[in-house]
Amino acid sequence: MAAQKFRAVIFDIGRVLIRIDVGRAMKGLASGTSLSPEELWLAIEKDPRWKDWQEGRISARNWHLHVKQRFGGSATFERFTEAWNLVLDPEPILSNELFEKLSKNYRLGLLSNTDPIHVAYIESRYDFFSHFPVRVYSCVIGAAKPNPLIYREALRACRVRAKEAVYVDDIAAYVEAARRLGMAGIQFQSPGQLEMAFHDLGLQI
């Protein structure tokens, strides 16, 4: 019975499907500022408009201007976009083989706190997107994890009830938020650990 109970598997993107290298991205953006790459990233994440950026209330060009005005630097919008996308490692963490196996028995979805620049880049760059008919982004929905609204939107898009979905994320608080809604949650650590967790839940892969 356990193998039949789930109908959808929903994945976070950053640090689950794609490795994140903040230093590589911030190295270019920190040039011309008084901050180190690490300091710049911490400052950006704490910026009062960060949530607006993640939840789609500020355009990409206005975000570039905001960062430039607040922290300095001389990057054009095009250069800023290139640097911003350097945070994303070109080689995915999980294999297409896993998604092909899962997609035979489950609807696959993506649920990510992300921004318009990254969405445009990742959807054009990574071939695993072909396995994910459902893609829920904070910048499109207007809500970010751990807000229950974004999880409910993913469930609605997958056309499943919470108890029929498995959610995978590297951040414990976001996994817990999914569990509070009734989803099965897995905190991602490695591909091998994930496959064992799927097996423990009775998923067919």
Protein backbone atom coordinates (compact mmCIF):
# COMPACT_ATOMS: atom_id res chain seq x y z
CA MET A 1 0.00 0.00 0.00
CA ALA A 2 2.83 2.43 0.82
CA ALA A 3 4.05 2.44 -2.77
CA GLN A 4 0.59 3.54 -3.95
CA LYS A 5 -0.04 6.31 -1.47
CA PHE A 6 2.08 9.03 -3.11
CA ARG A 7 1.21 10.63 -6.42
CA ALA A 8 3.67 13.56 -6.63
CA VAL A 9 7.30 14.32 -5.78
CA ILE A 10 8.18 18.00 -5.46
CA PHE A 11 11.78 19.26 -5.41
CA ASP A 12 13.49 22.42 -4.30
CA ILE A 13 16.11 23.59 -6.85
CA GLY A 14 19.08 25.26 -5.13
CA ARG A 15 21.44 22.82 -3.37
CA VAL A 16 19.13 19.95 -4.30
CA LEU A 17 19.13 19.96 -8.11
CA ILE A 18 21.74 22.66 -8.71
CA ARG A 19 24.84 23.41 -6.62
CA ILE A 20 25.16 27.00 -5.43
CA ASP A 21 28.47 28.90 -5.45
CA VAL A 22 27.80 32.31 -3.92
CA GLY A 23 31.45 33.34 -3.91
CA ARG A 24 31.80 32.91 -7.67
CA ALA A 25 28.81 35.15 -8.36
CA MET A 26 29.63 37.81 -5.81
CA LYS A 27 33.28 38.05 -6.85
CA GLY A 28 32.31 40.02 -9.95
CA LEU A 29 29.64 42.07 -8.24
CA ALA A 30 31.83 43.02 -5.28
CA SER A 31 34.35 44.69 -7.59
CA GLY A 32 34.05 48.43 -7.08
CA THR A 33 32.37 48.07 -3.68
CA SER A 34 33.91 48.20 -0.22
CA LEU A 35 32.70 44.69 0.60
CA SER A 36 34.18 41.22 0.16
CA PRO A 37 32.12 38.77 -1.94
CA GLU A 38 30.90 37.03 1.25
CA GLU A 39 29.99 40.32 2.93
CA LEU A 40 28.13 41.48 -0.16
CA TRP A 41 26.01 38.33 -0.31
CA LEU A 42 25.10 38.56 3.39
CA ALA A 43 24.18 42.22 2.91
CA ILE A 44 22.03 41.44 -0.14
CA GLU A 45 20.14 38.68 1.68
CA LYS A 46 19.45 41.07 4.56
CA ASP A 47 18.47 43.93 2.24
CA PRO A 48 14.96 45.29 2.94
CA ARG A 49 13.98 44.66 -0.69
CA TRP A 50 15.28 41.07 -0.84
CA LYS A 51 11.83 39.65 -0.10
CA ASP A 52 10.30 41.87 -2.80
CA TRP A 53 12.89 40.49 -5.24
CA GLN A 54 12.18 36.88 -4.26
CA GLU A 55 8.41 37.40 -4.39
CA GLY A 56 8.27 39.22 -7.72
CA ARG A 57 7.49 42.76 -6.58
CA ILE A 58 10.55 44.32 -8.20
CA SER A 59 11.71 43.91 -11.80
CA ALA A 60 15.13 42.57 -12.74
CA ARG A 61 16.30 45.97 -14.01
CA ASN A 62 15.08 47.74 -10.88
CA TRP A 63 16.80 45.14 -8.71
CA HIS A 64 20.05 45.80 -10.55
CA LEU A 65 19.66 49.54 -9.97
CA HIS A 66 18.78 49.01 -6.32
CA VAL A 67 21.86 46.83 -5.65
CA LYS A 68 24.08 49.25 -7.54
CA GLN A 69 22.76 52.28 -5.64
CA ARG A 70 22.95 50.58 -2.26
CA PHE A 71 26.32 48.85 -2.50
CA GLY A 72 28.14 50.54 -5.37
CA GLY A 73 29.83 48.85 -8.29
CA SER A 74 29.81 49.67 -11.98
CA ALA A 75 28.30 46.57 -13.61
CA THR A 76 25.89 47.14 -16.49
CA PHE A 77 22.58 45.26 -16.34
CA GLU A 78 23.93 42.66 -18.77
CA ARG A 79 27.10 42.15 -16.72
CA PHE A 80 25.07 42.07 -13.51
CA THR A 81 22.84 39.35 -14.98
CA GLU A 82 25.85 37.27 -16.04
CA ALA A 83 27.43 37.58 -12.59
CA TRP A 84 24.14 36.86 -10.82
CA ASN A 85 23.79 33.59 -12.73
CA LEU A 86 27.34 32.47 -11.89
CA VAL A 87 25.96 31.34 -8.53
CA LEU A 88 24.46 28.34 -10.39
CA ASP A 89 26.84 25.44 -11.04
CA PRO A 90 26.53 24.09 -14.60
CA GLU A 91 26.52 20.42 -13.55
CA PRO A 92 23.29 19.27 -11.86
CA ILE A 93 23.42 17.29 -8.62
CA LEU A 94 20.83 14.63 -9.47
CA SER A 95 20.69 12.54 -12.64
CA ASN A 96 18.06 12.60 -15.35
CA GLU A 97 17.88 8.83 -14.89
CA LEU A 98 16.33 9.35 -11.45
CA PHE A 99 13.74 11.78 -12.83
CA GLU A 100 12.92 9.43 -15.71
CA LYS A 101 12.24 6.61 -13.24
CA LEU A 102 10.17 8.80 -10.92
CA SER A 103 8.15 10.33 -13.75
CA LYS A 104 6.78 6.91 -14.70
CA ASN A 105 4.83 6.73 -11.46
CA TYR A 106 4.62 10.27 -10.06
CA ARG A 107 3.93 13.81 -11.16
CA LEU A 108 7.13 15.80 -10.70
CA GLY A 109 7.18 19.40 -9.55
CA LEU A 110 9.62 22.17 -8.67
CA LEU A 111 9.09 24.53 -5.74
CA SER A 112 11.72 27.23 -5.36
CA ASN A 113 12.39 30.58 -3.75
CA THR A 114 13.97 32.28 -6.74
CA ASP A 115 14.02 35.37 -8.92
CA PRO A 116 13.25 36.24 -12.56
CA ILE A 117 16.93 36.33 -13.62
CA HIS A 118 17.57 32.83 -12.32
CA VAL A 119 14.30 31.43 -13.69
CA ALA A 120 15.12 32.59 -17.23
CA TYR A 121 18.62 31.16 -16.99
CA ILE A 122 17.90 27.79 -15.42
CA GLU A 123 14.96 26.95 -17.68
CA SER A 124 17.15 27.54 -20.75
CA ARG A 125 20.28 25.88 -19.38
CA TYR A 126 19.38 22.61 -17.62
CA ASP A 127 17.79 19.71 -19.48
CA PHE A 128 16.21 18.15 -16.38
CA PHE A 129 13.37 20.70 -16.65
CA SER A 130 11.75 18.52 -19.32
CA HIS A 131 10.82 16.06 -16.55
CA PHE A 132 8.99 18.69 -14.48
CA PRO A 133 5.56 19.70 -15.80
CA VAL A 134 4.89 21.65 -12.59
CA ARG A 135 7.16 24.60 -11.76
CA VAL A 136 6.26 26.89 -8.88
CA TYR A 137 8.50 29.90 -8.29
CA SER A 138 8.23 32.41 -5.44
CA CYS A 139 8.75 35.33 -7.85
CA VAL A 140 5.70 34.23 -9.86
CA ILE A 141 3.43 33.21 -6.98
CA GLY A 142 4.20 36.27 -4.84
CA ALA A 143 4.99 34.18 -1.76
CA ALA A 144 8.16 32.44 -0.60
CA LYS A 145 8.86 29.40 1.55
CA PRO A 146 8.04 28.77 4.34
CA ASN A 147 4.73 30.57 3.58
CA PRO A 148 2.05 27.85 3.29
CA LEU A 149 0.62 29.60 0.20
CA ILE A 150 3.48 28.51 -2.05
CA TYR A 151 3.25 24.87 -0.93
CA ARG A 152 -0.50 24.88 -1.50
CA GLU A 153 0.05 26.28 -4.99
CA ALA A 154 2.46 23.42 -5.75
CA LEU A 155 -0.10 20.87 -4.51
CA ARG A 156 -2.84 22.52 -6.59
CA ALA A 157 -0.63 22.52 -9.69
CA CYS A 158 0.24 18.84 -9.13
CA ARG A 159 -3.47 18.09 -8.55
CA VAL A 160 -2.79 16.14 -5.37
CA ARG A 161 -3.66 16.36 -1.69
CA ALA A 162 -0.88 17.07 0.80
CA LYS A 163 -0.74 13.48 2.03
CA GLU A 164 -0.14 12.33 -1.55
CA ALA A 165 3.01 14.45 -2.02
CA VAL A 166 6.67 14.12 -1.06
CA TYR A 167 8.70 17.31 -0.73
CA VAL A 168 12.52 17.45 -0.95
CA ASP A 169 14.53 20.48 0.27
CA ASP A 170 17.97 21.05 1.78
CA ILE A 171 16.65 23.52 4.39
CA ALA A 172 15.13 21.89 7.47
CA ALA A 173 12.65 24.71 8.15
CA TYR A 174 11.23 24.42 4.63
CA VAL A 175 10.87 20.65 4.96
CA GLU A 176 9.10 21.14 8.29
CA ALA A 177 6.72 23.68 6.73
CA ALA A 178 5.73 21.06 4.15
CA ARG A 179 5.21 18.46 6.86
CA ARG A 180 2.95 20.81 8.81
CA LEU A 181 0.65 20.85 5.78
CA GLY A 182 0.58 17.06 5.71
CA MET A 183 3.23 16.34 3.08
CA ALA A 184 6.02 13.81 3.53
CA GLY A 185 9.27 15.74 3.84
CA ILE A 186 12.86 14.79 3.09
CA GLN A 187 15.83 16.99 3.98
CA PHE A 188 18.28 16.50 1.14
CA GLN A 189 21.90 15.68 1.98
CA SER A 190 23.19 13.63 -0.96
CA PRO A 191 21.89 11.66 -3.96
CA GLY A 192 22.47 8.36 -2.16
CA GLN A 193 20.69 9.53 0.99
CA LEU A 194 17.76 10.76 -1.12
CA GLU A 195 17.30 7.43 -2.88
CA MET A 196 17.35 5.65 0.49
CA ALA A 197 14.72 8.08 1.81
CA PHE A 198 12.56 7.44 -1.26
CA HIS A 199 12.91 3.71 -0.68
CA ASP A 200 11.93 4.11 3.00
CA LEU A 201 8.76 5.93 1.90
CA GLY A 202 7.94 3.12 -0.52
CA LEU A 203 8.43 5.15 -3.70
CA GLN A 204 8.89 3.16 -6.89
CA ILE A 205 12.20 4.05 -8.54
